[in-house]
Structure formats: structure tokens, C-alpha cells
Amino acid sequence: MIAGASGLVGRKLLEVLLESDYYDKIIILVRKKLPIQHSKLHQFVFDFETAENKFPEANDVYCCLGTTIKKAGSKEEFRKVDLEYPLRVARVSFEKGARKFAIVSSMGSDENSIFFYNQVKDEAERGIREIPFETTLIVRPSLLLGKRDEFRMGEVVGKFLMWIFGFAIPKNLKAVDSQKVARCMFTVLKRDDKGIVVKTSGEIQRY
């Protein structure tokens, strides 16, 4: 199951899972159905405000939910999408029998960060860690590369600087392609690793 299949990483993850024969069934939680058809794909129209209602069962859950304060409109709405919704999906999916959970966090996640974005990401990580999944995967990518539906000036500038000064930037700080993040999540969850697994941006680059 994928939460956030319409986002940058979620779209790539959906492509990866549909191309693989590892899963017989792939569920995506959507507010409205995506223009995609596939024999393995099941689109579950879903309200994240009431995640307990008619929540589907899944073995492995991938959470790619995320937004920005600008797009969300306020810090409170941002917390909903990047903290409350992921935790709700994690808790209810565990109660429904899920045993593996992967979430997209951020390279700078830190409760002591000066940035609200990073504080919220760290809070989400800590909440997920408390749920006793057999495998909990936390990926912490740097700047994400890929085509978004909306324009983000900060990312455009960041990509330009990466292109100019990439040779001098440590591997763990370099921008990472969204498809590599997706492949990292899928590869790790296929394995039988137990406990909490954290993949840094530099490690994600290998995928």
C-alpha cells in the first residue's frame, strides 16, 4: 500500500512496484482516482482525516506523504500532512496487520533544528519508531530531483547550485533522484531486515 502515490517519490514508487512481480496487489490511498489502470492496481478513495474508517489491509506500507508550508497554507496544515497523517496511517495499518513500514523523511530532520520543517520531520520519525513494525525504514533524502506538478523556486535554485558546485559537495549532501529513493524503499522492504533501518541521502544514491 502507498500513501502519497501522487507525489514526486510516490509516483516513482508506484511505477517501480507495478513493474515488479513481487506484489500481487498494490493499493494506493487517494483523495481522487489517478488516471492509471493496471491489473494489480487498486485505488482506494480515502479521507486522511478519518483514517480509521474502512482502512484497507496491507502487508507492506509505503508512506510518501509530504508538502511545504507554502503549499499547505500554514504551519498547522503542514503538520497535518507531514506528521499527523503519516502517524495515523502507520498506527491504523499496524492494527490492520501491516508488518513493514517505510516513510520518506528528510536529511535534516532534527528536533533542535532552527527550521520548522526539519523539526516536524523528526517528530514524525520518533512517532513511527514507537510502533513495533517488524521492519521500519526511514529514508532521509537531500534535495529531491524529479518533475513536480508545482513550481518551487527554492528547488530550482538548489538544483542550479548542485549543477555548478556538485564536484565539491559531499555525497550525502548532493541532490538525489526521486526514482532512487523509490528503489531504495522497495529494495529494503523486500529484504528480511528487522528493526529500524535508516538510509541517508548518500546511501540512497547507490540505488
N, C-alpha and C. Protein backbone atom coordinates (compact mmCIF):
# COMPACT_ATOMS: atom_id res chain seq x y z
N MET A 1 0.84 -1.19 0.00
CA MET A 1 0.00 0.00 0.00
C MET A 1 0.88 1.25 0.00
N ILE A 2 0.48 2.24 -0.79
CA ILE A 2 1.20 3.51 -0.85
C ILE A 2 0.28 4.64 -0.42
N ALA A 3 0.73 5.44 0.51
CA ALA A 3 0.06 6.69 0.86
C ALA A 3 0.90 7.81 0.27
N GLY A 4 0.30 8.61 -0.60
CA GLY A 4 1.04 9.67 -1.26
C GLY A 4 1.53 9.28 -2.63
N ALA A 5 0.76 8.47 -3.35
CA ALA A 5 1.18 7.97 -4.66
C ALA A 5 1.16 9.02 -5.75
N SER A 6 0.58 10.18 -5.48
CA SER A 6 0.53 11.24 -6.49
C SER A 6 1.69 12.22 -6.37
N GLY A 7 2.52 12.06 -5.34
CA GLY A 7 3.65 12.97 -5.12
C GLY A 7 4.88 12.55 -5.91
N LEU A 8 5.96 13.31 -5.74
CA LEU A 8 7.18 13.10 -6.51
C LEU A 8 7.76 11.70 -6.31
N VAL A 9 7.98 11.29 -5.07
CA VAL A 9 8.52 9.96 -4.79
C VAL A 9 7.43 8.90 -4.97
N GLY A 10 6.22 9.21 -4.54
CA GLY A 10 5.14 8.25 -4.62
C GLY A 10 4.85 7.78 -6.04
N ARG A 11 4.90 8.70 -7.00
CA ARG A 11 4.67 8.34 -8.40
C ARG A 11 5.74 7.38 -8.90
N LYS A 12 7.00 7.67 -8.56
CA LYS A 12 8.08 6.79 -8.98
C LYS A 12 7.98 5.43 -8.30
N LEU A 13 7.61 5.43 -7.03
CA LEU A 13 7.46 4.18 -6.30
C LEU A 13 6.36 3.32 -6.92
N LEU A 14 5.25 3.95 -7.28
CA LEU A 14 4.16 3.21 -7.91
C LEU A 14 4.63 2.57 -9.21
N GLU A 15 5.40 3.31 -10.01
CA GLU A 15 5.94 2.76 -11.25
C GLU A 15 6.82 1.54 -10.97
N VAL A 16 7.69 1.66 -9.97
CA VAL A 16 8.60 0.57 -9.62
C VAL A 16 7.82 -0.67 -9.18
N LEU A 17 6.82 -0.49 -8.35
CA LEU A 17 6.06 -1.63 -7.84
C LEU A 17 5.23 -2.29 -8.93
N LEU A 18 4.67 -1.49 -9.83
CA LEU A 18 3.86 -2.06 -10.92
C LEU A 18 4.73 -2.83 -11.91
N GLU A 19 5.97 -2.39 -12.08
CA GLU A 19 6.87 -3.08 -12.99
C GLU A 19 7.38 -4.40 -12.41
N SER A 20 7.39 -4.52 -11.09
CA SER A 20 7.89 -5.72 -10.43
C SER A 20 6.78 -6.77 -10.28
N ASP A 21 7.19 -8.03 -10.18
CA ASP A 21 6.21 -9.10 -9.93
C ASP A 21 6.22 -9.50 -8.45
N TYR A 22 6.84 -8.67 -7.61
CA TYR A 22 6.96 -9.01 -6.18
C TYR A 22 5.60 -8.98 -5.48
N TYR A 23 4.79 -7.98 -5.79
CA TYR A 23 3.47 -7.85 -5.16
C TYR A 23 2.37 -8.29 -6.14
N ASP A 24 1.40 -9.03 -5.63
CA ASP A 24 0.23 -9.41 -6.44
C ASP A 24 -0.81 -8.30 -6.47
N LYS A 25 -0.80 -7.45 -5.45
CA LYS A 25 -1.80 -6.40 -5.33
C LYS A 25 -1.15 -5.14 -4.77
N ILE A 26 -1.45 -4.01 -5.39
CA ILE A 26 -0.92 -2.73 -4.93
C ILE A 26 -2.09 -1.78 -4.68
N ILE A 27 -2.21 -1.30 -3.46
CA ILE A 27 -3.27 -0.38 -3.07
C ILE A 27 -2.67 1.01 -2.94
N ILE A 28 -3.35 2.00 -3.50
CA ILE A 28 -2.94 3.38 -3.26
C ILE A 28 -4.09 4.13 -2.61
N LEU A 29 -3.75 4.92 -1.60
CA LEU A 29 -4.75 5.74 -0.91
C LEU A 29 -4.81 7.09 -1.62
N VAL A 30 -5.95 7.43 -2.17
CA VAL A 30 -6.07 8.66 -2.96
C VAL A 30 -7.31 9.45 -2.57
N ARG A 31 -7.22 10.77 -2.69
CA ARG A 31 -8.40 11.62 -2.48
C ARG A 31 -9.33 11.51 -3.69
N LYS A 32 -8.73 11.41 -4.88
CA LYS A 32 -9.49 11.14 -6.09
C LYS A 32 -8.64 10.24 -6.98
N LYS A 33 -9.27 9.40 -7.77
CA LYS A 33 -8.56 8.40 -8.53
C LYS A 33 -7.60 9.01 -9.54
N LEU A 34 -6.45 8.36 -9.69
CA LEU A 34 -5.45 8.78 -10.65
C LEU A 34 -5.75 8.16 -12.02
N PRO A 35 -5.34 8.84 -13.10
CA PRO A 35 -5.61 8.31 -14.45
C PRO A 35 -4.65 7.18 -14.83
N ILE A 36 -4.65 6.13 -14.02
CA ILE A 36 -3.76 4.98 -14.23
C ILE A 36 -4.59 3.71 -14.12
N GLN A 37 -4.35 2.77 -15.02
CA GLN A 37 -5.03 1.49 -14.96
C GLN A 37 -4.00 0.37 -15.04
N HIS A 38 -4.16 -0.61 -14.17
CA HIS A 38 -3.26 -1.77 -14.15
C HIS A 38 -3.99 -2.89 -13.43
N SER A 39 -3.75 -4.12 -13.87
CA SER A 39 -4.46 -5.26 -13.29
C SER A 39 -4.17 -5.44 -11.81
N LYS A 40 -2.99 -5.01 -11.35
CA LYS A 40 -2.63 -5.18 -9.93
C LYS A 40 -3.02 -3.98 -9.08
N LEU A 41 -3.40 -2.88 -9.72
CA LEU A 41 -3.61 -1.62 -9.01
C LEU A 41 -5.04 -1.49 -8.49
N HIS A 42 -5.15 -1.15 -7.21
CA HIS A 42 -6.45 -0.91 -6.58
C HIS A 42 -6.40 0.49 -5.96
N GLN A 43 -7.21 1.39 -6.48
CA GLN A 43 -7.24 2.76 -5.99
C GLN A 43 -8.33 2.89 -4.93
N PHE A 44 -7.91 3.25 -3.73
CA PHE A 44 -8.80 3.33 -2.59
C PHE A 44 -9.05 4.80 -2.26
N VAL A 45 -10.22 5.30 -2.63
CA VAL A 45 -10.57 6.70 -2.34
C VAL A 45 -10.70 6.86 -0.83
N PHE A 46 -9.99 7.83 -0.30
CA PHE A 46 -9.69 7.83 1.13
C PHE A 46 -9.62 9.24 1.69
N ASP A 47 -10.13 9.42 2.89
CA ASP A 47 -10.05 10.69 3.60
C ASP A 47 -9.07 10.54 4.76
N PHE A 48 -7.93 11.23 4.68
CA PHE A 48 -6.92 11.09 5.72
C PHE A 48 -7.36 11.67 7.06
N GLU A 49 -8.42 12.44 7.06
CA GLU A 49 -8.94 12.98 8.32
C GLU A 49 -9.61 11.88 9.15
N THR A 50 -10.08 10.84 8.47
CA THR A 50 -10.78 9.75 9.16
C THR A 50 -10.17 8.42 8.75
N ALA A 51 -8.90 8.26 9.05
CA ALA A 51 -8.16 7.10 8.57
C ALA A 51 -8.66 5.77 9.11
N GLU A 52 -9.38 5.80 10.23
CA GLU A 52 -9.84 4.55 10.82
C GLU A 52 -11.01 3.95 10.05
N ASN A 53 -11.70 4.75 9.25
CA ASN A 53 -12.89 4.28 8.57
C ASN A 53 -12.54 3.53 7.29
N LYS A 54 -12.94 2.27 7.24
CA LYS A 54 -12.76 1.44 6.04
C LYS A 54 -11.31 1.45 5.56
N PHE A 55 -10.40 1.28 6.48
CA PHE A 55 -8.98 1.29 6.14
C PHE A 55 -8.59 -0.07 5.56
N PRO A 56 -7.93 -0.11 4.38
CA PRO A 56 -7.58 -1.39 3.76
C PRO A 56 -6.42 -2.08 4.48
N GLU A 57 -6.37 -3.39 4.33
CA GLU A 57 -5.28 -4.17 4.93
C GLU A 57 -4.15 -4.31 3.92
N ALA A 58 -2.92 -4.33 4.43
CA ALA A 58 -1.75 -4.49 3.57
C ALA A 58 -0.61 -5.08 4.39
N ASN A 59 0.29 -5.79 3.72
CA ASN A 59 1.46 -6.35 4.40
C ASN A 59 2.56 -5.30 4.56
N ASP A 60 2.85 -4.60 3.46
CA ASP A 60 3.89 -3.59 3.45
C ASP A 60 3.26 -2.23 3.15
N VAL A 61 3.67 -1.21 3.89
CA VAL A 61 3.09 0.12 3.71
C VAL A 61 4.21 1.11 3.43
N TYR A 62 4.02 1.90 2.38
CA TYR A 62 4.98 2.94 2.00
C TYR A 62 4.30 4.30 2.18
N CYS A 63 4.90 5.16 2.97
CA CYS A 63 4.32 6.48 3.21
C CYS A 63 5.18 7.55 2.53
N CYS A 64 4.62 8.16 1.50
CA CYS A 64 5.33 9.20 0.75
C CYS A 64 4.61 10.54 0.87
N LEU A 65 3.86 10.71 1.93
CA LEU A 65 3.12 11.95 2.14
C LEU A 65 4.08 13.09 2.47
N GLY A 66 3.80 14.26 1.92
CA GLY A 66 4.64 15.41 2.22
C GLY A 66 4.18 16.63 1.46
N THR A 67 4.43 17.80 2.03
CA THR A 67 4.06 19.05 1.39
C THR A 67 5.05 20.13 1.83
N THR A 68 4.72 21.37 1.62
CA THR A 68 5.50 22.51 2.11
C THR A 68 4.55 23.43 2.86
N ILE A 69 5.12 24.28 3.71
CA ILE A 69 4.28 25.22 4.46
C ILE A 69 3.56 26.15 3.49
N LYS A 70 4.26 26.56 2.42
CA LYS A 70 3.64 27.46 1.43
C LYS A 70 2.44 26.80 0.78
N LYS A 71 2.60 25.55 0.35
CA LYS A 71 1.50 24.86 -0.32
C LYS A 71 0.38 24.53 0.65
N ALA A 72 0.74 24.14 1.87
CA ALA A 72 -0.27 23.79 2.87
C ALA A 72 -1.05 25.01 3.34
N GLY A 73 -0.39 26.17 3.38
CA GLY A 73 -1.07 27.39 3.77
C GLY A 73 -0.77 27.86 5.18
N SER A 74 -0.29 26.96 6.03
CA SER A 74 0.03 27.32 7.42
C SER A 74 0.86 26.22 8.04
N LYS A 75 1.50 26.52 9.17
CA LYS A 75 2.26 25.51 9.88
C LYS A 75 1.36 24.38 10.38
N GLU A 76 0.16 24.75 10.81
CA GLU A 76 -0.78 23.75 11.33
C GLU A 76 -1.17 22.75 10.25
N GLU A 77 -1.47 23.25 9.05
CA GLU A 77 -1.84 22.36 7.95
C GLU A 77 -0.64 21.54 7.49
N PHE A 78 0.54 22.12 7.54
CA PHE A 78 1.75 21.38 7.19
C PHE A 78 1.95 20.21 8.15
N ARG A 79 1.75 20.46 9.45
CA ARG A 79 1.89 19.39 10.44
C ARG A 79 0.91 18.25 10.17
N LYS A 80 -0.27 18.60 9.70
CA LYS A 80 -1.26 17.56 9.40
C LYS A 80 -0.72 16.59 8.35
N VAL A 81 -0.20 17.15 7.26
CA VAL A 81 0.22 16.32 6.13
C VAL A 81 1.52 15.57 6.42
N ASP A 82 2.46 16.22 7.07
CA ASP A 82 3.78 15.62 7.27
C ASP A 82 3.95 14.91 8.61
N LEU A 83 3.02 15.08 9.51
CA LEU A 83 3.13 14.44 10.83
C LEU A 83 1.88 13.64 11.19
N GLU A 84 0.74 14.31 11.26
CA GLU A 84 -0.47 13.64 11.74
C GLU A 84 -0.94 12.54 10.80
N TYR A 85 -0.98 12.81 9.51
CA TYR A 85 -1.45 11.81 8.55
C TYR A 85 -0.53 10.58 8.50
N PRO A 86 0.80 10.76 8.39
CA PRO A 86 1.67 9.58 8.40
C PRO A 86 1.54 8.74 9.67
N LEU A 87 1.45 9.40 10.82
CA LEU A 87 1.32 8.64 12.06
C LEU A 87 -0.02 7.89 12.11
N ARG A 88 -1.06 8.53 11.61
CA ARG A 88 -2.38 7.89 11.58
C ARG A 88 -2.36 6.66 10.67
N VAL A 89 -1.77 6.81 9.50
CA VAL A 89 -1.66 5.68 8.57
C VAL A 89 -0.83 4.56 9.19
N ALA A 90 0.26 4.90 9.83
CA ALA A 90 1.13 3.89 10.44
C ALA A 90 0.41 3.13 11.55
N ARG A 91 -0.25 3.86 12.44
CA ARG A 91 -0.90 3.20 13.57
C ARG A 91 -2.05 2.30 13.13
N VAL A 92 -2.88 2.81 12.22
CA VAL A 92 -4.04 2.02 11.80
C VAL A 92 -3.60 0.85 10.93
N SER A 93 -2.63 1.03 10.07
CA SER A 93 -2.16 -0.08 9.23
C SER A 93 -1.54 -1.17 10.09
N PHE A 94 -0.83 -0.78 11.16
CA PHE A 94 -0.27 -1.80 12.07
C PHE A 94 -1.38 -2.59 12.75
N GLU A 95 -2.41 -1.88 13.18
CA GLU A 95 -3.56 -2.55 13.80
C GLU A 95 -4.26 -3.50 12.82
N LYS A 96 -4.18 -3.17 11.52
CA LYS A 96 -4.80 -3.98 10.48
C LYS A 96 -3.89 -5.12 10.01
N GLY A 97 -2.70 -5.23 10.60
CA GLY A 97 -1.84 -6.36 10.28
C GLY A 97 -0.57 -6.06 9.51
N ALA A 98 -0.32 -4.81 9.15
CA ALA A 98 0.92 -4.48 8.43
C ALA A 98 2.13 -4.75 9.32
N ARG A 99 3.20 -5.28 8.73
CA ARG A 99 4.39 -5.59 9.50
C ARG A 99 5.64 -4.86 9.01
N LYS A 100 5.54 -4.22 7.85
CA LYS A 100 6.67 -3.43 7.34
C LYS A 100 6.18 -2.05 6.95
N PHE A 101 6.95 -1.03 7.31
CA PHE A 101 6.54 0.35 7.06
C PHE A 101 7.75 1.18 6.63
N ALA A 102 7.60 1.91 5.54
CA ALA A 102 8.66 2.79 5.05
C ALA A 102 8.13 4.20 4.94
N ILE A 103 8.93 5.18 5.33
CA ILE A 103 8.50 6.57 5.26
C ILE A 103 9.61 7.46 4.70
N VAL A 104 9.20 8.44 3.89
CA VAL A 104 10.14 9.42 3.37
C VAL A 104 10.24 10.56 4.37
N SER A 105 11.42 10.75 4.92
CA SER A 105 11.67 11.84 5.86
C SER A 105 12.53 12.89 5.15
N SER A 106 13.53 13.42 5.84
CA SER A 106 14.38 14.45 5.24
C SER A 106 15.78 14.38 5.85
N MET A 107 16.76 14.74 5.06
CA MET A 107 18.15 14.70 5.51
C MET A 107 18.37 15.51 6.78
N GLY A 108 17.70 16.62 6.93
CA GLY A 108 17.95 17.50 8.07
C GLY A 108 17.02 17.31 9.25
N SER A 109 16.30 16.20 9.31
CA SER A 109 15.34 16.01 10.39
C SER A 109 16.03 16.07 11.75
N ASP A 110 15.57 16.98 12.60
CA ASP A 110 16.22 17.19 13.90
C ASP A 110 15.30 18.05 14.75
N GLU A 111 14.97 17.56 15.94
CA GLU A 111 14.07 18.32 16.80
C GLU A 111 14.67 19.65 17.25
N ASN A 112 15.99 19.77 17.19
CA ASN A 112 16.66 21.01 17.60
C ASN A 112 17.01 21.92 16.42
N SER A 113 16.52 21.55 15.24
CA SER A 113 16.81 22.36 14.06
C SER A 113 16.15 23.73 14.18
N ILE A 114 16.74 24.72 13.52
CA ILE A 114 16.14 26.05 13.51
C ILE A 114 14.98 26.10 12.51
N PHE A 115 14.86 25.06 11.68
CA PHE A 115 13.82 25.02 10.67
C PHE A 115 12.63 24.19 11.14
N PHE A 116 11.45 24.76 11.06
CA PHE A 116 10.23 24.07 11.47
C PHE A 116 10.03 22.79 10.68
N TYR A 117 10.33 22.84 9.40
CA TYR A 117 10.19 21.66 8.51
C TYR A 117 10.96 20.47 9.09
N ASN A 118 12.22 20.69 9.46
CA ASN A 118 13.05 19.61 9.99
C ASN A 118 12.58 19.14 11.36
N GLN A 119 12.05 20.04 12.16
CA GLN A 119 11.52 19.66 13.47
C GLN A 119 10.34 18.70 13.32
N VAL A 120 9.46 19.02 12.38
CA VAL A 120 8.28 18.18 12.16
C VAL A 120 8.69 16.80 11.61
N LYS A 121 9.64 16.79 10.71
CA LYS A 121 10.12 15.52 10.16
C LYS A 121 10.69 14.63 11.27
N ASP A 122 11.44 15.23 12.19
CA ASP A 122 12.00 14.46 13.30
C ASP A 122 10.89 13.94 14.22
N GLU A 123 9.89 14.75 14.46
CA GLU A 123 8.77 14.32 15.30
C GLU A 123 8.03 13.15 14.67
N ALA A 124 7.87 13.19 13.35
CA ALA A 124 7.23 12.08 12.65
C ALA A 124 8.08 10.81 12.77
N GLU A 125 9.38 10.94 12.61
CA GLU A 125 10.27 9.79 12.74
C GLU A 125 10.15 9.16 14.13
N ARG A 126 10.17 9.99 15.15
CA ARG A 126 10.09 9.47 16.52
C ARG A 126 8.76 8.76 16.77
N GLY A 127 7.69 9.30 16.21
CA GLY A 127 6.40 8.65 16.37
C GLY A 127 6.33 7.31 15.67
N ILE A 128 6.89 7.23 14.47
CA ILE A 128 6.90 5.97 13.72
C ILE A 128 7.74 4.92 14.44
N ARG A 129 8.87 5.33 15.02
CA ARG A 129 9.75 4.39 15.71
C ARG A 129 9.05 3.69 16.88
N GLU A 130 8.06 4.33 17.46
CA GLU A 130 7.37 3.76 18.61
C GLU A 130 6.40 2.64 18.24
N ILE A 131 6.06 2.54 16.96
CA ILE A 131 5.14 1.49 16.51
C ILE A 131 5.96 0.24 16.19
N PRO A 132 5.65 -0.90 16.80
CA PRO A 132 6.52 -2.08 16.68
C PRO A 132 6.36 -2.87 15.39
N PHE A 133 6.59 -2.22 14.26
CA PHE A 133 6.64 -2.97 13.00
C PHE A 133 7.84 -3.91 13.02
N GLU A 134 7.76 -5.00 12.26
CA GLU A 134 8.92 -5.88 12.15
C GLU A 134 10.07 -5.14 11.48
N THR A 135 9.75 -4.35 10.48
CA THR A 135 10.74 -3.53 9.79
C THR A 135 10.20 -2.11 9.66
N THR A 136 10.99 -1.16 10.10
CA THR A 136 10.66 0.25 9.93
C THR A 136 11.79 0.91 9.16
N LEU A 137 11.49 1.39 7.96
CA LEU A 137 12.50 2.04 7.13
C LEU A 137 12.26 3.54 7.09
N ILE A 138 13.30 4.30 7.40
CA ILE A 138 13.26 5.76 7.32
C ILE A 138 14.29 6.20 6.30
N VAL A 139 13.84 6.83 5.22
CA VAL A 139 14.78 7.33 4.22
C VAL A 139 14.88 8.85 4.37
N ARG A 140 16.11 9.34 4.33
CA ARG A 140 16.36 10.77 4.54
C ARG A 140 17.08 11.38 3.34
N PRO A 141 16.35 11.60 2.27
CA PRO A 141 16.98 12.18 1.08
C PRO A 141 17.32 13.65 1.26
N SER A 142 18.29 14.10 0.48
CA SER A 142 18.61 15.52 0.39
C SER A 142 17.61 16.13 -0.58
N LEU A 143 18.00 17.17 -1.29
CA LEU A 143 17.14 17.80 -2.29
C LEU A 143 16.71 16.76 -3.31
N LEU A 144 15.41 16.65 -3.56
CA LEU A 144 14.88 15.65 -4.47
C LEU A 144 14.84 16.16 -5.90
N LEU A 145 15.30 15.32 -6.82
CA LEU A 145 15.25 15.64 -8.24
C LEU A 145 14.09 14.92 -8.90
N GLY A 146 13.42 15.60 -9.80
CA GLY A 146 12.29 15.00 -10.49
C GLY A 146 11.29 16.06 -10.87
N LYS A 147 10.36 15.70 -11.72
CA LYS A 147 9.37 16.65 -12.20
C LYS A 147 8.20 16.73 -11.25
N ARG A 148 7.97 17.92 -10.69
CA ARG A 148 6.84 18.14 -9.79
C ARG A 148 5.68 18.78 -10.54
N ASP A 149 4.50 18.68 -9.95
CA ASP A 149 3.32 19.33 -10.53
C ASP A 149 3.33 20.83 -10.28
N GLU A 150 4.00 21.24 -9.17
CA GLU A 150 4.02 22.67 -8.84
C GLU A 150 5.44 23.20 -8.92
N PHE A 151 5.55 24.51 -9.12
CA PHE A 151 6.86 25.17 -9.23
C PHE A 151 7.37 25.53 -7.84
N ARG A 152 8.64 25.20 -7.56
CA ARG A 152 9.26 25.54 -6.29
C ARG A 152 10.58 26.25 -6.58
N MET A 153 10.60 27.56 -6.37
CA MET A 153 11.79 28.35 -6.68
C MET A 153 13.02 27.88 -5.91
N GLY A 154 12.83 27.54 -4.63
CA GLY A 154 13.96 27.08 -3.82
C GLY A 154 14.63 25.85 -4.40
N GLU A 155 13.83 24.94 -4.95
CA GLU A 155 14.40 23.73 -5.54
C GLU A 155 15.11 24.04 -6.85
N VAL A 156 14.57 24.98 -7.62
CA VAL A 156 15.21 25.36 -8.87
C VAL A 156 16.60 25.93 -8.59
N VAL A 157 16.68 26.82 -7.60
CA VAL A 157 17.96 27.41 -7.23
C VAL A 157 18.91 26.34 -6.70
N GLY A 158 18.37 25.46 -5.86
CA GLY A 158 19.19 24.39 -5.29
C GLY A 158 19.76 23.47 -6.35
N LYS A 159 18.95 23.12 -7.34
CA LYS A 159 19.41 22.25 -8.43
C LYS A 159 20.50 22.94 -9.25
N PHE A 160 20.33 24.25 -9.48
CA PHE A 160 21.33 25.00 -10.23
C PHE A 160 22.67 25.01 -9.49
N LEU A 161 22.62 25.23 -8.18
CA LEU A 161 23.86 25.26 -7.38
C LEU A 161 24.50 23.88 -7.35
N MET A 162 23.67 22.83 -7.29
CA MET A 162 24.19 21.47 -7.31
C MET A 162 24.93 21.22 -8.62
N TRP A 163 24.36 21.73 -9.72
CA TRP A 163 24.96 21.53 -11.03
C TRP A 163 26.30 22.26 -11.14
N ILE A 164 26.37 23.45 -10.58
CA ILE A 164 27.59 24.25 -10.65
C ILE A 164 28.68 23.73 -9.72
N PHE A 165 28.29 23.44 -8.48
CA PHE A 165 29.27 23.09 -7.45
C PHE A 165 29.21 21.62 -7.04
N GLY A 166 28.57 20.80 -7.84
CA GLY A 166 28.40 19.39 -7.49
C GLY A 166 29.69 18.66 -7.17
N PHE A 167 30.76 19.00 -7.88
CA PHE A 167 32.04 18.32 -7.68
C PHE A 167 32.59 18.52 -6.26
N ALA A 168 32.18 19.62 -5.61
CA ALA A 168 32.72 19.95 -4.29
C ALA A 168 31.76 19.60 -3.16
N ILE A 169 30.59 19.08 -3.49
CA ILE A 169 29.59 18.79 -2.47
C ILE A 169 29.71 17.34 -2.01
N PRO A 170 29.79 17.09 -0.70
CA PRO A 170 29.86 15.72 -0.20
C PRO A 170 28.68 14.90 -0.70
N LYS A 171 28.91 13.62 -0.90
CA LYS A 171 27.89 12.74 -1.49
C LYS A 171 26.59 12.76 -0.70
N ASN A 172 26.68 12.85 0.62
CA ASN A 172 25.49 12.80 1.45
C ASN A 172 24.65 14.07 1.35
N LEU A 173 25.22 15.13 0.77
CA LEU A 173 24.50 16.39 0.64
C LEU A 173 23.99 16.64 -0.78
N LYS A 174 24.43 15.80 -1.72
CA LYS A 174 24.04 16.01 -3.11
C LYS A 174 22.57 15.69 -3.32
N ALA A 175 21.98 16.38 -4.31
CA ALA A 175 20.60 16.11 -4.68
C ALA A 175 20.47 14.65 -5.12
N VAL A 176 19.31 14.05 -4.85
CA VAL A 176 19.10 12.64 -5.18
C VAL A 176 17.84 12.49 -6.02
N ASP A 177 17.92 11.66 -7.03
CA ASP A 177 16.78 11.45 -7.91
C ASP A 177 15.67 10.72 -7.18
N SER A 178 14.44 11.16 -7.40
CA SER A 178 13.29 10.57 -6.70
C SER A 178 13.14 9.08 -7.01
N GLN A 179 13.56 8.65 -8.21
CA GLN A 179 13.46 7.23 -8.54
C GLN A 179 14.40 6.40 -7.69
N LYS A 180 15.57 6.96 -7.33
CA LYS A 180 16.50 6.24 -6.46
C LYS A 180 15.90 6.07 -5.07
N VAL A 181 15.19 7.08 -4.60
CA VAL A 181 14.52 6.97 -3.31
C VAL A 181 13.48 5.85 -3.36
N ALA A 182 12.71 5.82 -4.43
CA ALA A 182 11.68 4.79 -4.60
C ALA A 182 12.31 3.39 -4.62
N ARG A 183 13.39 3.24 -5.39
CA ARG A 183 14.03 1.93 -5.49
C ARG A 183 14.66 1.50 -4.17
N CYS A 184 15.19 2.46 -3.43
CA CYS A 184 15.73 2.16 -2.11
C CYS A 184 14.65 1.61 -1.19
N MET A 185 13.50 2.28 -1.16
CA MET A 185 12.40 1.85 -0.30
C MET A 185 11.95 0.44 -0.65
N PHE A 186 11.77 0.18 -1.93
CA PHE A 186 11.30 -1.13 -2.39
C PHE A 186 12.33 -2.22 -2.08
N THR A 187 13.60 -1.96 -2.38
CA THR A 187 14.66 -2.95 -2.17
C THR A 187 14.78 -3.34 -0.70
N VAL A 188 14.76 -2.34 0.17
CA VAL A 188 14.93 -2.62 1.60
C VAL A 188 13.73 -3.40 2.17
N LEU A 189 12.52 -3.00 1.78
CA LEU A 189 11.35 -3.69 2.32
C LEU A 189 11.22 -5.12 1.80
N LYS A 190 11.81 -5.41 0.65
CA LYS A 190 11.80 -6.79 0.15
C LYS A 190 12.67 -7.70 1.02
N ARG A 191 13.68 -7.11 1.62
CA ARG A 191 14.58 -7.91 2.45
C ARG A 191 13.94 -8.23 3.79
N ASP A 192 14.59 -9.10 4.56
CA ASP A 192 14.08 -9.50 5.87
C ASP A 192 14.77 -8.78 7.01
N ASP A 193 15.24 -7.56 6.75
CA ASP A 193 15.86 -6.77 7.82
C ASP A 193 14.85 -6.53 8.93
N LYS A 194 15.27 -6.68 10.15
CA LYS A 194 14.39 -6.47 11.30
C LYS A 194 14.76 -5.19 12.02
N GLY A 195 13.76 -4.58 12.65
CA GLY A 195 14.02 -3.39 13.43
C GLY A 195 13.97 -2.13 12.59
N ILE A 196 14.67 -1.11 13.06
CA ILE A 196 14.63 0.19 12.41
C ILE A 196 15.84 0.35 11.49
N VAL A 197 15.58 0.68 10.24
CA VAL A 197 16.62 0.87 9.24
C VAL A 197 16.55 2.32 8.76
N VAL A 198 17.69 3.00 8.78
CA VAL A 198 17.75 4.39 8.31
C VAL A 198 18.69 4.46 7.12
N LYS A 199 18.23 5.08 6.04
CA LYS A 199 19.06 5.26 4.85
C LYS A 199 19.29 6.76 4.62
N THR A 200 20.55 7.15 4.65
CA THR A 200 20.89 8.54 4.42
C THR A 200 20.88 8.84 2.92
N SER A 201 20.97 10.11 2.57
CA SER A 201 20.93 10.51 1.16
C SER A 201 22.10 9.89 0.39
N GLY A 202 23.27 9.84 1.00
CA GLY A 202 24.42 9.24 0.34
C GLY A 202 24.21 7.76 0.06
N GLU A 203 23.57 7.05 1.00
CA GLU A 203 23.29 5.63 0.80
C GLU A 203 22.22 5.42 -0.27
N ILE A 204 21.26 6.32 -0.31
CA ILE A 204 20.18 6.22 -1.30
C ILE A 204 20.74 6.34 -2.71
N GLN A 205 21.82 7.12 -2.87
CA GLN A 205 22.41 7.34 -4.19
C GLN A 205 22.80 6.02 -4.87
N ARG A 206 23.10 4.98 -4.10
CA ARG A 206 23.53 3.71 -4.66
C ARG A 206 22.43 2.98 -5.40
N TYR A 207 21.18 3.37 -5.17
CA TYR A 207 20.07 2.66 -5.78
C TYR A 207 19.66 3.25 -7.12
